[in-house]
Amino acid sequence: MITKQSPGLKLVLFCMLGVSLVMQGYASEGGKNFSRMANSNGETCVDCHYFMESDTINWNPSAMDLASRAQIYAEDGISKYFTSPEGDVMKKAHDGYQISAGDESGIIAYLADLEGTSPSKVKHVKWRLILFAGMFVLLILLRVEKRRIRVLPKTARMLIRPLIWTVILVIALQDAVGFNRSKNYEPVQPIKFSHSIHYTDNKIDCNYCHSGVTKGKNAGIPPVSLCMNCHKHQQEGTRTGFFELRKIVQAAEDSIPIRWVRVHNLPDFTYFNHMQHVTIGGVECATCHGDVENMHTIKQVEDLSMGWCIDCHDITSVDFSNEYYKLYYPAYLDSLQTGKLDSVMVSDIMGRECAVCHY
């Protein structure tokens, strides 16, 4: 049965459509302003508040990060971040920006449209996969196009198949060896955190945040409460301003952990103890983790393979000034003192025993 809509309902629907069109218009104009408004250095909003995670360091919040605060901007306005920025970082970034009431409404509407999305990843061309597949295509063509192949010199015809199979086998072998290894792994973290700023600039010792490194198996990731020991007093970041530190404060207020993405992972069947290496062995953090003190974003610099560990055990000498080694390896100590040995390597004291790491 078809029923007639009441005039009141039609009016409501018409008004809703009108509001929707107006908001779309605001959002469209806001998007244009987001791309063309520039500060005194000629930088636009898009130059700082990116849409795609880049390979270079950008400590500004992404456009999508701003979108997550669109409701707050709608209530409090966004012009204050241009006319009277809160801190030094934003003052420098927003210097020279001019924003009108219309521009403000448009940008807020544009950000509201972006809410719920996330920055896209940079897509790299997988040349190895393309080359690997291309070699198989060439093999098929060599099989199908026998007549045309005969125009090639005999020597070329003899070499082309072995060369193709060599490329295929090299790629397959390299990928098989590197399977489940994560060298150069550099994930995007939920909060932008710089080890360089904390360690090098502010002289915070590694052990303060990673307290387990000297007394246990795992180095540990600092809880929010530890971050707040400093950041309840310091709430403006050197590079990020207030935006990233608000996430820490909010996590502390809501009593929820920050879900950091682990960078260095070993297989479950492998045993590794930080205390054994750092406290007893005297191994520097940089040996395994690289020049962390000068890193803004952490990445895995070594492949952490079994061969890499064994190579280290073969070339690293044991420091017998440590009471631990004197107690457990008196025979080696005696040989060093009497001159029978000039050094003892880690591989000599069970550094190559399978059961030490695979128990």
Protein backbone atom coordinates (compact mmCIF):
# COMPACT_ATOMS: atom_id res chain seq x y z
CA MET A 1 0.00 0.00 0.00
CA ILE A 2 1.40 3.44 -0.96
CA THR A 3 0.93 6.12 1.62
CA LYS A 4 1.32 9.82 1.13
CA GLN A 5 4.07 11.52 3.07
CA SER A 6 2.96 14.33 5.29
CA PRO A 7 4.07 17.88 4.38
CA GLY A 8 5.95 18.06 7.69
CA LEU A 9 8.01 14.96 6.89
CA LYS A 10 8.82 16.29 3.43
CA LEU A 11 9.99 19.56 4.97
CA VAL A 12 12.24 17.71 7.44
CA LEU A 13 13.76 15.60 4.65
CA PHE A 14 14.25 18.69 2.50
CA CYS A 15 15.97 20.50 5.36
CA MET A 16 18.22 17.51 6.05
CA LEU A 17 19.19 17.36 2.38
CA GLY A 18 19.89 21.07 2.40
CA VAL A 19 22.07 20.83 5.51
CA SER A 20 23.93 17.89 3.98
CA LEU A 21 24.63 19.82 0.79
CA VAL A 22 25.77 22.86 2.75
CA MET A 23 28.12 20.73 4.88
CA GLN A 24 29.52 19.05 1.77
CA GLY A 25 30.13 22.48 0.32
CA TYR A 26 31.87 23.59 3.53
CA ALA A 27 33.97 20.40 3.55
CA SER A 28 34.94 20.83 -0.11
CA GLU A 29 35.99 24.44 0.44
CA GLY A 30 37.74 23.45 3.67
CA GLY A 31 39.75 20.83 1.77
CA LYS A 32 40.90 23.48 -0.68
CA ASN A 33 41.93 25.78 2.17
CA PHE A 34 43.76 22.91 3.87
CA SER A 35 45.87 22.55 0.72
CA ARG A 36 46.52 26.23 -0.03
CA MET A 37 46.69 28.15 3.27
CA ALA A 38 50.37 28.92 3.92
CA ASN A 39 52.45 30.20 6.84
CA SER A 40 55.27 32.75 6.63
CA ASN A 41 57.62 30.04 5.29
CA GLY A 42 55.22 29.12 2.49
CA GLU A 43 54.25 25.78 4.09
CA THR A 44 50.62 24.70 3.74
CA CYS A 45 48.62 22.56 6.16
CA VAL A 46 49.20 19.55 3.89
CA ASP A 47 52.98 20.00 4.04
CA CYS A 48 52.90 19.32 7.79
CA HIS A 49 49.70 17.33 8.36
CA TYR A 50 50.25 14.48 5.94
CA PHE A 51 47.85 11.95 4.41
CA MET A 52 50.47 9.28 3.71
CA GLU A 53 53.08 7.90 6.10
CA SER A 54 56.37 8.99 4.55
CA ASP A 55 59.84 7.44 4.70
CA THR A 56 61.18 10.62 6.28
CA ILE A 57 60.53 11.82 9.82
CA ASN A 58 57.46 14.00 10.20
CA TRP A 59 56.63 14.64 13.84
CA ASN A 60 53.50 16.66 13.09
CA PRO A 61 50.09 15.01 13.59
CA SER A 62 48.64 13.66 10.34
CA ALA A 63 45.46 15.10 8.84
CA MET A 64 43.71 12.00 10.19
CA ASP A 65 45.09 12.67 13.69
CA LEU A 66 43.55 16.14 13.52
CA ALA A 67 40.30 14.60 12.29
CA SER A 68 40.08 12.56 15.50
CA ARG A 69 39.72 15.88 17.35
CA ALA A 70 37.15 17.37 14.92
CA GLN A 71 34.42 17.33 17.58
CA ILE A 72 36.64 19.28 19.98
CA TYR A 73 37.45 21.80 17.25
CA ALA A 74 33.74 22.15 16.50
CA GLU A 75 33.04 22.97 20.16
CA ASP A 76 36.08 25.11 20.96
CA GLY A 77 36.92 26.50 17.54
CA ILE A 78 40.14 26.05 15.61
CA SER A 79 41.17 29.68 15.09
CA LYS A 80 42.92 29.85 18.47
CA TYR A 81 45.53 27.39 17.18
CA PHE A 82 46.36 29.98 14.51
CA THR A 83 45.92 33.29 16.34
CA SER A 84 47.25 32.27 19.77
CA PRO A 85 49.03 28.89 19.62
CA GLU A 86 49.61 27.06 22.88
CA GLY A 87 53.33 26.35 22.71
CA ASP A 88 56.64 27.06 21.00
CA VAL A 89 56.31 24.31 18.40
CA MET A 90 52.91 25.46 17.19
CA LYS A 91 53.87 29.15 17.32
CA LYS A 92 56.71 28.47 14.90
CA ALA A 93 54.63 26.25 12.60
CA HIS A 94 51.58 28.55 12.46
CA ASP A 95 53.46 31.83 12.20
CA GLY A 96 51.89 33.94 9.45
CA TYR A 97 48.67 31.96 9.04
CA GLN A 98 45.46 33.96 8.67
CA ILE A 99 42.08 32.26 9.05
CA SER A 100 38.59 33.70 8.74
CA ALA A 101 35.39 32.42 10.37
CA GLY A 102 34.32 30.87 7.05
CA ASP A 103 37.69 29.16 6.59
CA GLU A 104 37.47 27.84 10.14
CA SER A 105 34.03 26.25 9.58
CA GLY A 106 35.21 24.76 6.28
CA ILE A 107 38.32 23.17 7.73
CA ILE A 108 36.39 21.71 10.68
CA ALA A 109 33.80 20.24 8.27
CA TYR A 110 36.62 18.84 6.12
CA LEU A 111 38.32 17.21 9.12
CA ALA A 112 34.99 15.76 10.27
CA ASP A 113 34.73 14.07 6.86
CA LEU A 114 38.18 12.53 7.35
CA GLU A 115 37.39 11.17 10.82
CA GLY A 116 37.75 7.40 11.08
CA THR A 117 40.32 7.08 8.30
CA SER A 118 44.05 6.55 8.76
CA PRO A 119 47.17 7.62 6.85
CA SER A 120 47.88 5.32 3.93
CA LYS A 121 51.19 3.51 3.65
CA VAL A 122 53.83 4.26 1.04
CA LYS A 123 53.66 1.44 -1.48
CA HIS A 124 57.03 0.28 -2.75
CA VAL A 125 57.40 -1.52 -6.05
CA LYS A 126 58.36 -5.14 -5.35
CA TRP A 127 61.10 -5.43 -7.96
CA ARG A 128 62.34 -8.79 -6.70
CA LEU A 129 58.91 -10.36 -7.08
CA ILE A 130 58.52 -8.83 -10.54
CA LEU A 131 61.96 -10.13 -11.58
CA PHE A 132 61.20 -13.58 -10.13
CA ALA A 133 57.91 -13.83 -12.05
CA GLY A 134 59.51 -12.39 -15.17
CA MET A 135 62.09 -15.17 -15.26
CA PHE A 136 59.34 -17.80 -15.33
CA VAL A 137 57.59 -15.90 -18.12
CA LEU A 138 60.84 -15.93 -20.10
CA LEU A 139 61.17 -19.69 -19.61
CA ILE A 140 57.65 -20.16 -20.98
CA LEU A 141 58.41 -17.92 -23.98
CA LEU A 142 61.58 -19.87 -24.69
CA ARG A 143 59.51 -23.02 -24.76
CA VAL A 144 56.70 -21.60 -26.91
CA GLU A 145 58.64 -19.39 -29.33
CA LYS A 146 61.28 -21.88 -30.42
CA ARG A 147 61.46 -20.60 -34.00
CA ARG A 148 62.08 -17.01 -33.00
CA ILE A 149 64.68 -18.05 -30.46
CA ARG A 150 66.73 -19.65 -33.23
CA VAL A 151 67.61 -16.20 -34.60
CA LEU A 152 69.79 -15.71 -31.53
CA PRO A 153 73.44 -16.79 -31.70
CA LYS A 154 74.07 -20.35 -30.54
CA THR A 155 76.15 -19.19 -27.56
CA ALA A 156 73.31 -16.92 -26.36
CA ARG A 157 70.80 -19.77 -26.70
CA MET A 158 73.06 -22.01 -24.60
CA LEU A 159 73.52 -19.42 -21.84
CA ILE A 160 70.05 -17.90 -21.55
CA ARG A 161 68.33 -20.81 -19.74
CA PRO A 162 71.13 -21.37 -17.16
CA LEU A 163 71.20 -17.61 -16.54
CA ILE A 164 67.44 -17.50 -15.94
CA TRP A 165 67.55 -20.47 -13.55
CA THR A 166 70.49 -18.89 -11.71
CA VAL A 167 68.48 -15.70 -11.11
CA ILE A 168 65.46 -17.73 -9.93
CA LEU A 169 67.52 -19.86 -7.55
CA VAL A 170 69.45 -16.88 -6.11
CA ILE A 171 66.23 -14.97 -5.35
CA ALA A 172 64.58 -18.10 -3.88
CA LEU A 173 67.63 -18.89 -1.73
CA GLN A 174 67.99 -15.32 -0.42
CA ASP A 175 64.29 -15.11 0.45
CA ALA A 176 64.37 -18.54 2.11
CA VAL A 177 67.37 -17.57 4.25
CA GLY A 178 65.74 -14.27 5.19
CA PHE A 179 62.34 -15.81 5.93
CA ASN A 180 60.82 -14.49 9.18
CA ARG A 181 63.71 -12.08 9.72
CA SER A 182 62.92 -8.42 10.18
CA LYS A 183 66.07 -6.43 9.46
CA ASN A 184 65.22 -2.74 8.87
CA TYR A 185 61.73 -3.26 10.36
CA GLU A 186 60.52 0.20 11.41
CA PRO A 187 56.82 0.15 12.37
CA VAL A 188 54.67 3.23 12.97
CA GLN A 189 54.15 3.59 16.72
CA PRO A 190 50.92 4.80 18.40
CA ILE A 191 52.85 7.78 19.83
CA LYS A 192 55.78 9.50 18.16
CA PHE A 193 58.72 8.88 20.48
CA SER A 194 62.35 9.90 19.93
CA HIS A 195 65.16 8.04 21.69
CA SER A 196 67.55 10.75 20.50
CA ILE A 197 65.63 13.48 22.33
CA HIS A 198 65.23 11.45 25.51
CA TYR A 199 68.71 9.91 25.72
CA THR A 200 71.06 12.29 23.88
CA ASP A 201 69.35 15.63 24.50
CA ASN A 202 67.83 15.04 27.94
CA LYS A 203 70.42 12.52 29.26
CA ILE A 204 67.86 9.96 30.44
CA ASP A 205 69.63 6.66 31.04
CA CYS A 206 68.40 3.63 29.06
CA ASN A 207 67.96 1.66 32.28
CA TYR A 208 65.47 4.18 33.66
CA CYS A 209 62.87 3.18 31.05
CA HIS A 210 64.12 -0.36 30.30
CA SER A 211 64.76 -1.40 33.88
CA GLY A 212 64.67 -5.14 33.19
CA VAL A 213 67.78 -5.07 31.04
CA THR A 214 70.20 -5.42 33.97
CA LYS A 215 68.26 -7.91 36.07
CA GLY A 216 66.08 -10.08 33.87
CA LYS A 217 65.40 -11.78 30.57
CA ASN A 218 63.43 -8.92 29.01
CA ALA A 219 64.43 -5.27 28.85
CA GLY A 220 60.80 -4.24 29.31
CA ILE A 221 58.68 -1.44 27.88
CA PRO A 222 57.97 1.45 30.27
CA PRO A 223 54.39 1.73 31.58
CA VAL A 224 52.40 4.94 31.24
CA SER A 225 52.98 5.73 34.92
CA LEU A 226 56.74 5.87 34.31
CA CYS A 227 56.25 8.27 31.37
CA MET A 228 54.12 10.48 33.62
CA ASN A 229 56.94 10.84 36.14
CA CYS A 230 58.38 13.39 33.72
CA HIS A 231 55.44 14.35 31.54
CA LYS A 232 53.13 15.47 34.32
CA HIS A 233 55.55 18.41 34.47
CA GLN A 234 56.68 18.57 30.82
CA GLN A 235 53.68 18.47 28.49
CA GLU A 236 55.08 20.08 25.34
CA GLY A 237 57.25 17.92 23.10
CA THR A 238 60.40 19.21 21.44
CA ARG A 239 59.08 18.29 17.98
CA THR A 240 55.43 17.32 18.46
CA GLY A 241 54.19 20.16 20.64
CA PHE A 242 51.23 19.15 22.80
CA PHE A 243 49.55 16.76 20.39
CA GLU A 244 51.46 13.52 21.06
CA LEU A 245 51.91 14.13 24.78
CA ARG A 246 48.13 14.51 25.14
CA LYS A 247 47.94 10.82 24.20
CA ILE A 248 50.16 9.89 27.15
CA VAL A 249 48.21 12.07 29.56
CA GLN A 250 44.92 10.66 28.27
CA ALA A 251 46.18 7.07 28.63
CA ALA A 252 47.21 7.83 32.22
CA GLU A 253 43.86 9.43 33.04
CA ASP A 254 41.94 6.51 31.48
CA SER A 255 44.27 3.91 33.07
CA ILE A 256 44.89 2.17 29.74
CA PRO A 257 48.27 0.95 28.44
CA ILE A 258 49.90 2.40 25.34
CA ARG A 259 50.02 -0.32 22.71
CA TRP A 260 53.61 0.07 21.52
CA VAL A 261 54.56 -2.06 18.53
CA ARG A 262 57.44 -4.39 19.36
CA VAL A 263 60.38 -3.98 16.97
CA HIS A 264 62.89 -6.69 17.98
CA ASN A 265 61.42 -10.18 18.05
CA LEU A 266 63.05 -13.59 18.41
CA PRO A 267 61.33 -16.92 17.65
CA ASP A 268 59.56 -18.58 20.57
CA PHE A 269 62.03 -21.49 20.47
CA THR A 270 64.97 -19.15 21.15
CA TYR A 271 66.10 -18.15 24.63
CA PHE A 272 67.82 -14.81 25.14
CA ASN A 273 68.61 -13.15 28.46
CA HIS A 274 69.43 -9.43 28.60
CA MET A 275 70.97 -9.64 32.06
CA GLN A 276 73.41 -12.36 30.95
CA HIS A 277 74.63 -10.23 28.08
CA VAL A 278 74.51 -6.72 29.59
CA THR A 279 75.25 -7.18 33.31
CA ILE A 280 77.52 -10.22 33.14
CA GLY A 281 78.86 -10.06 29.61
CA GLY A 282 79.19 -6.28 29.46
CA VAL A 283 77.67 -6.09 25.97
CA GLU A 284 76.72 -2.57 24.88
CA CYS A 285 73.13 -1.96 23.76
CA ALA A 286 74.38 -0.66 20.39
CA THR A 287 75.93 -4.05 19.58
CA CYS A 288 72.48 -5.52 18.91
CA HIS A 289 70.24 -2.47 18.59
CA GLY A 290 72.46 -0.07 16.67
CA ASP A 291 72.99 3.62 17.36
CA VAL A 292 69.74 4.01 19.29
CA GLU A 293 70.91 7.13 21.10
CA ASN A 294 70.80 9.01 17.78
CA MET A 295 67.61 7.43 16.43
CA HIS A 296 64.32 9.27 16.34
CA THR A 297 62.32 6.25 15.21
CA ILE A 298 63.55 2.80 16.20
CA LYS A 299 64.26 0.17 13.58
CA GLN A 300 65.91 -3.25 13.67
CA VAL A 301 69.44 -2.80 12.33
CA GLU A 302 70.64 -6.43 12.57
CA ASP A 303 68.91 -9.58 11.33
CA LEU A 304 69.30 -11.30 14.76
CA SER A 305 69.83 -14.62 13.02
CA MET A 306 71.52 -17.62 14.64
CA GLY A 307 74.56 -17.15 12.41
CA TRP A 308 74.86 -13.52 13.48
CA CYS A 309 74.77 -14.51 17.17
CA ILE A 310 77.33 -17.30 16.71
CA ASP A 311 79.68 -14.99 14.80
CA CYS A 312 79.51 -12.58 17.74
CA HIS A 313 80.24 -15.41 20.21
CA ASP A 314 83.26 -16.46 18.11
CA ILE A 315 84.92 -13.03 18.10
CA THR A 316 83.94 -11.74 21.57
CA SER A 317 86.42 -12.43 24.36
CA VAL A 318 85.32 -13.13 27.92
CA ASP A 319 86.22 -10.50 30.52
CA PHE A 320 87.64 -12.51 33.42
CA SER A 321 87.78 -9.47 35.67
CA ASN A 322 84.11 -10.28 36.23
CA GLU A 323 83.64 -12.38 39.38
CA TYR A 324 80.97 -14.46 37.63
CA TYR A 325 83.46 -15.94 35.17
CA LYS A 326 86.10 -16.43 37.86
CA LEU A 327 83.61 -18.48 39.86
CA TYR A 328 82.22 -20.66 37.09
CA TYR A 329 85.31 -21.09 34.87
CA PRO A 330 88.33 -21.43 37.21
CA ALA A 331 90.24 -23.66 34.74
CA TYR A 332 90.13 -20.99 32.04
CA LEU A 333 91.11 -18.35 34.59
CA ASP A 334 94.14 -20.44 35.60
CA SER A 335 95.14 -20.90 31.95
CA LEU A 336 94.97 -17.14 31.38
CA GLN A 337 96.99 -16.37 34.50
CA THR A 338 99.70 -18.92 33.65
CA GLY A 339 99.90 -17.77 30.02
CA LYS A 340 98.62 -21.01 28.46
CA LEU A 341 95.83 -18.95 26.84
CA ASP A 342 95.86 -15.32 25.81
CA SER A 343 92.06 -15.06 25.53
CA VAL A 344 88.86 -17.04 25.94
CA MET A 345 86.00 -16.53 23.51
CA VAL A 346 82.32 -16.80 24.37
CA SER A 347 82.10 -19.80 22.05
CA ASP A 348 84.63 -21.57 24.34
CA ILE A 349 82.27 -21.34 27.33
CA MET A 350 79.25 -23.02 25.72
CA GLY A 351 78.61 -20.13 23.32
CA ARG A 352 78.01 -22.68 20.55
CA GLU A 353 76.00 -25.21 22.56
CA CYS A 354 72.53 -25.72 21.05
CA ALA A 355 70.83 -26.21 24.42
CA VAL A 356 71.98 -22.81 25.68
CA CYS A 357 69.66 -20.96 23.29
CA HIS A 358 67.24 -23.74 22.29
CA TYR A 359 66.12 -25.43 25.50
